[in-house]
């Protein structure tokens, strides 16, 4: 029998009686942190004795940029597959709430969505609307190069900001008194589980 890893350090066989709501949330955070943000942190902040063949900035964005949409749908308890634009924007504003009050916030979010999110998803590379540099003083900011407005991304600072945001969200959801945060997260996780079962059932019927 093949072993199925469902989160860093956890096998499916570790839960012979199924996964409880509390365990489901903890596994969610273990997976996002260990398989997702920790890997990005290791890539963008390598050990001094380790040398990478190429700057990992684009790879880091490919790893972490789905975080915004994922986390916003969890925070809202969204049950559906669409509304990517809406939830990407909400995710950016959840991580960087100061952008809500900034006149440049809406422009920056649009550049990030069309330049980075869509570029990475459809082309595996951000387009020319995006500039990556470790010299930017902020994780995300507007920049103007050759009279063109662009979104500047410091991947070092961005990964740190996402890790901090995830830890805060985890604390909210694992607080048994925070009914709304817990309910929304479980609503999203249960929806994803039910969709997987539907796909499995359709494939089983096709195989008959």
Protein backbone atom coordinates (compact mmCIF):
# COMPACT_ATOMS: atom_id res chain seq x y z
CA UNK A 1 0.00 0.00 0.00
CA UNK A 2 1.37 3.38 -1.00
CA UNK A 3 1.85 5.98 1.72
CA UNK A 4 -0.04 9.23 1.13
CA UNK A 5 1.45 12.37 2.66
CA UNK A 6 -1.32 14.87 3.35
CA UNK A 7 0.81 17.55 5.07
CA UNK A 8 4.47 17.84 6.08
CA UNK A 9 5.08 15.09 8.64
CA UNK A 10 1.56 13.64 8.31
CA UNK A 11 0.39 10.56 6.43
CA UNK A 12 -3.18 9.71 5.52
CA UNK A 13 -2.76 6.50 7.55
CA UNK A 14 -2.19 8.64 10.67
CA UNK A 15 -5.96 9.29 10.72
CA UNK A 16 -7.65 5.87 10.46
CA UNK A 17 -10.90 7.29 11.85
CA UNK A 18 -10.96 10.30 9.50
CA UNK A 19 -9.92 13.90 10.00
CA UNK A 20 -11.77 16.10 12.48
CA UNK A 21 -12.52 19.76 11.81
CA UNK A 22 -9.72 20.81 14.16
CA UNK A 23 -7.24 18.46 12.50
CA UNK A 24 -8.38 19.58 9.04
CA UNK A 25 -7.55 23.20 9.87
CA UNK A 26 -4.18 22.29 11.41
CA UNK A 27 -3.25 20.21 8.36
CA UNK A 28 -4.24 23.12 6.14
CA UNK A 29 -1.80 25.44 7.89
CA UNK A 30 0.94 22.79 7.98
CA UNK A 31 0.58 22.29 4.24
CA UNK A 32 0.48 25.96 3.30
CA UNK A 33 3.38 26.79 5.59
CA UNK A 34 5.61 23.77 5.00
CA UNK A 35 5.01 22.97 1.34
CA UNK A 36 4.34 26.50 0.20
CA UNK A 37 5.72 29.47 2.12
CA UNK A 38 8.66 27.74 3.83
CA UNK A 39 9.93 26.52 0.46
CA UNK A 40 9.62 30.01 -0.97
CA UNK A 41 11.49 31.42 2.03
CA UNK A 42 14.29 28.90 1.54
CA UNK A 43 14.53 29.77 -2.16
CA UNK A 44 14.59 33.54 -1.73
CA UNK A 45 16.70 33.61 1.46
CA UNK A 46 19.31 30.90 0.78
CA UNK A 47 22.03 29.87 3.22
CA UNK A 48 25.40 31.62 2.65
CA UNK A 49 27.13 28.37 1.66
CA UNK A 50 24.44 27.53 -0.87
CA UNK A 51 24.56 28.89 -4.42
CA UNK A 52 21.61 28.88 -6.81
CA UNK A 53 22.15 28.75 -10.56
CA UNK A 54 19.68 31.60 -11.16
CA UNK A 55 17.96 34.27 -9.12
CA UNK A 56 14.93 32.59 -7.58
CA UNK A 57 12.64 35.63 -7.69
CA UNK A 58 10.41 34.44 -10.53
CA UNK A 59 10.22 30.93 -9.08
CA UNK A 60 9.24 32.41 -5.73
CA UNK A 61 6.39 34.38 -7.31
CA UNK A 62 5.23 31.21 -9.06
CA UNK A 63 5.11 29.51 -5.67
CA UNK A 64 3.47 32.23 -3.61
CA UNK A 65 1.23 34.31 -5.87
CA UNK A 66 -1.73 31.97 -5.62
CA UNK A 67 -1.73 32.65 -1.86
CA UNK A 68 -3.80 35.82 -2.25
CA UNK A 69 -6.74 34.15 -3.96
CA UNK A 70 -6.55 31.02 -1.80
CA UNK A 71 -6.56 32.88 1.48
CA UNK A 72 -9.32 35.33 0.51
CA UNK A 73 -11.65 32.50 -0.51
CA UNK A 74 -10.94 30.78 2.81
CA UNK A 75 -11.55 33.97 4.77
CA UNK A 76 -14.88 34.44 3.00
CA UNK A 77 -15.93 30.78 3.07
CA UNK A 78 -16.48 30.95 -0.68
CA UNK A 79 -17.99 27.87 -2.30
CA UNK A 80 -17.27 28.09 -5.99
CA UNK A 81 -14.59 28.00 -8.66
CA UNK A 82 -14.81 31.43 -10.26
CA UNK A 83 -14.38 35.05 -9.10
CA UNK A 84 -10.59 34.82 -9.32
CA UNK A 85 -10.17 38.54 -9.97
CA UNK A 86 -12.33 39.54 -7.02
CA UNK A 87 -10.69 37.19 -4.53
CA UNK A 88 -7.17 37.89 -5.73
CA UNK A 89 -7.77 41.58 -5.04
CA UNK A 90 -9.31 40.84 -1.64
CA UNK A 91 -6.34 38.65 -0.77
CA UNK A 92 -3.84 41.37 -1.60
CA UNK A 93 -5.80 43.84 0.52
CA UNK A 94 -6.03 41.34 3.36
CA UNK A 95 -2.25 40.96 3.47
CA UNK A 96 -1.63 44.66 2.86
CA UNK A 97 -4.66 46.49 4.31
CA UNK A 98 -2.87 49.83 4.01
CA UNK A 99 -3.49 49.66 0.24
CA UNK A 100 -7.23 50.15 0.85
CA UNK A 101 -6.55 53.73 1.89
CA UNK A 102 -3.93 54.42 -0.75
CA UNK A 103 -4.92 56.17 -4.01
CA UNK A 104 -2.42 53.89 -5.75
CA UNK A 105 -3.80 50.70 -4.20
CA UNK A 106 -6.36 49.88 -6.89
CA UNK A 107 -3.86 50.47 -9.69
CA UNK A 108 -1.26 48.29 -7.98
CA UNK A 109 -3.72 45.45 -7.46
CA UNK A 110 -4.73 45.54 -11.14
CA UNK A 111 -1.10 45.47 -12.28
CA UNK A 112 -0.42 42.53 -9.97
CA UNK A 113 -3.46 40.61 -11.17
CA UNK A 114 -2.95 41.03 -14.90
CA UNK A 115 0.85 41.22 -14.89
CA UNK A 116 1.88 38.70 -12.24
CA UNK A 117 -1.07 36.46 -11.40
CA UNK A 118 -2.26 35.95 -14.97
CA UNK A 119 1.27 36.02 -16.38
CA UNK A 120 2.40 33.27 -14.03
CA UNK A 121 -0.77 31.21 -14.46
CA UNK A 122 -1.02 31.40 -18.24
CA UNK A 123 2.60 31.93 -19.28
CA UNK A 124 4.69 30.80 -16.28
CA UNK A 125 6.28 34.24 -16.26
CA UNK A 126 5.16 37.74 -15.24
CA UNK A 127 4.84 40.17 -18.12
CA UNK A 128 6.46 43.57 -18.50
CA UNK A 129 4.04 45.17 -16.04
CA UNK A 130 6.04 43.52 -13.25
CA UNK A 131 9.52 44.33 -11.96
CA UNK A 132 11.30 42.18 -9.37
CA UNK A 133 14.06 43.69 -7.26
CA UNK A 134 15.50 43.12 -3.82
CA UNK A 135 16.14 46.85 -3.55
CA UNK A 136 12.49 47.91 -3.23
CA UNK A 137 11.83 49.11 0.34
CA UNK A 138 8.32 47.58 0.35
CA UNK A 139 7.04 44.13 -0.61
CA UNK A 140 4.74 45.67 -3.25
CA UNK A 141 4.82 49.17 -4.71
CA UNK A 142 4.17 51.18 -7.84
CA UNK A 143 7.14 52.06 -10.00
CA UNK A 144 7.58 54.03 -13.22
CA UNK A 145 10.19 52.90 -15.71
CA UNK A 146 10.54 54.41 -19.17
CA UNK A 147 7.31 56.36 -18.60
CA UNK A 148 5.40 53.13 -17.97
CA UNK A 149 3.66 52.32 -14.71
CA UNK A 150 4.68 48.98 -13.28
CA UNK A 151 4.26 46.94 -10.12
CA UNK A 152 7.50 46.57 -8.20
CA UNK A 153 7.91 43.43 -6.11
CA UNK A 154 10.58 42.70 -3.53
CA UNK A 155 10.26 38.90 -3.24
CA UNK A 156 12.35 38.78 -0.05
CA UNK A 157 9.93 41.08 1.77
CA UNK A 158 6.85 39.59 0.09
CA UNK A 159 7.51 36.07 1.37
CA UNK A 160 8.09 37.37 4.90
CA UNK A 161 4.81 39.33 4.75
CA UNK A 162 2.87 36.26 3.60
CA UNK A 163 4.33 34.07 6.34
CA UNK A 164 3.36 36.70 8.93
CA UNK A 165 -0.15 36.94 7.48
CA UNK A 166 -0.63 33.15 7.50
CA UNK A 167 0.45 32.94 11.14
CA UNK A 168 -2.06 35.63 12.10
CA UNK A 169 -4.83 33.88 10.17
CA UNK A 170 -3.94 30.54 11.75
CA UNK A 171 -4.24 32.08 15.23
CA UNK A 172 -7.67 33.45 14.32
CA UNK A 173 -8.95 30.13 13.00
CA UNK A 174 -7.58 27.99 15.81
CA UNK A 175 -9.15 30.30 18.39
CA UNK A 176 -12.27 28.35 19.32
CA UNK A 177 -14.09 31.61 20.12
CA UNK A 178 -13.64 32.97 16.60
CA UNK A 179 -16.73 31.30 15.17
CA UNK A 180 -16.80 33.25 11.91
CA UNK A 181 -13.16 32.68 10.90
CA UNK A 182 -13.38 28.97 11.71
CA UNK A 183 -16.71 28.56 9.96
CA UNK A 184 -15.54 30.29 6.79
CA UNK A 185 -12.34 28.27 6.59
CA UNK A 186 -14.17 24.99 7.10
CA UNK A 187 -16.81 26.04 4.56
CA UNK A 188 -14.09 26.47 1.95
CA UNK A 189 -12.19 23.31 2.89
CA UNK A 190 -15.36 21.21 2.93
CA UNK A 191 -16.39 22.61 -0.45
CA UNK A 192 -13.04 21.62 -1.94
CA UNK A 193 -13.37 18.13 -0.45
CA UNK A 194 -16.89 17.74 -1.86
CA UNK A 195 -15.77 18.88 -5.32
CA UNK A 196 -12.99 16.28 -5.27
CA UNK A 197 -15.52 13.58 -4.43
CA UNK A 198 -17.74 14.70 -7.33
CA UNK A 199 -14.83 14.45 -9.76
CA UNK A 200 -13.91 11.02 -8.40
CA UNK A 201 -17.50 9.86 -8.82
CA UNK A 202 -17.69 11.14 -12.41
CA UNK A 203 -14.44 9.37 -13.29
CA UNK A 204 -15.67 6.17 -11.66
CA UNK A 205 -18.85 6.27 -13.75
CA UNK A 206 -16.87 6.87 -16.94
CA UNK A 207 -14.71 3.87 -16.13
CA UNK A 208 -17.65 1.51 -15.88
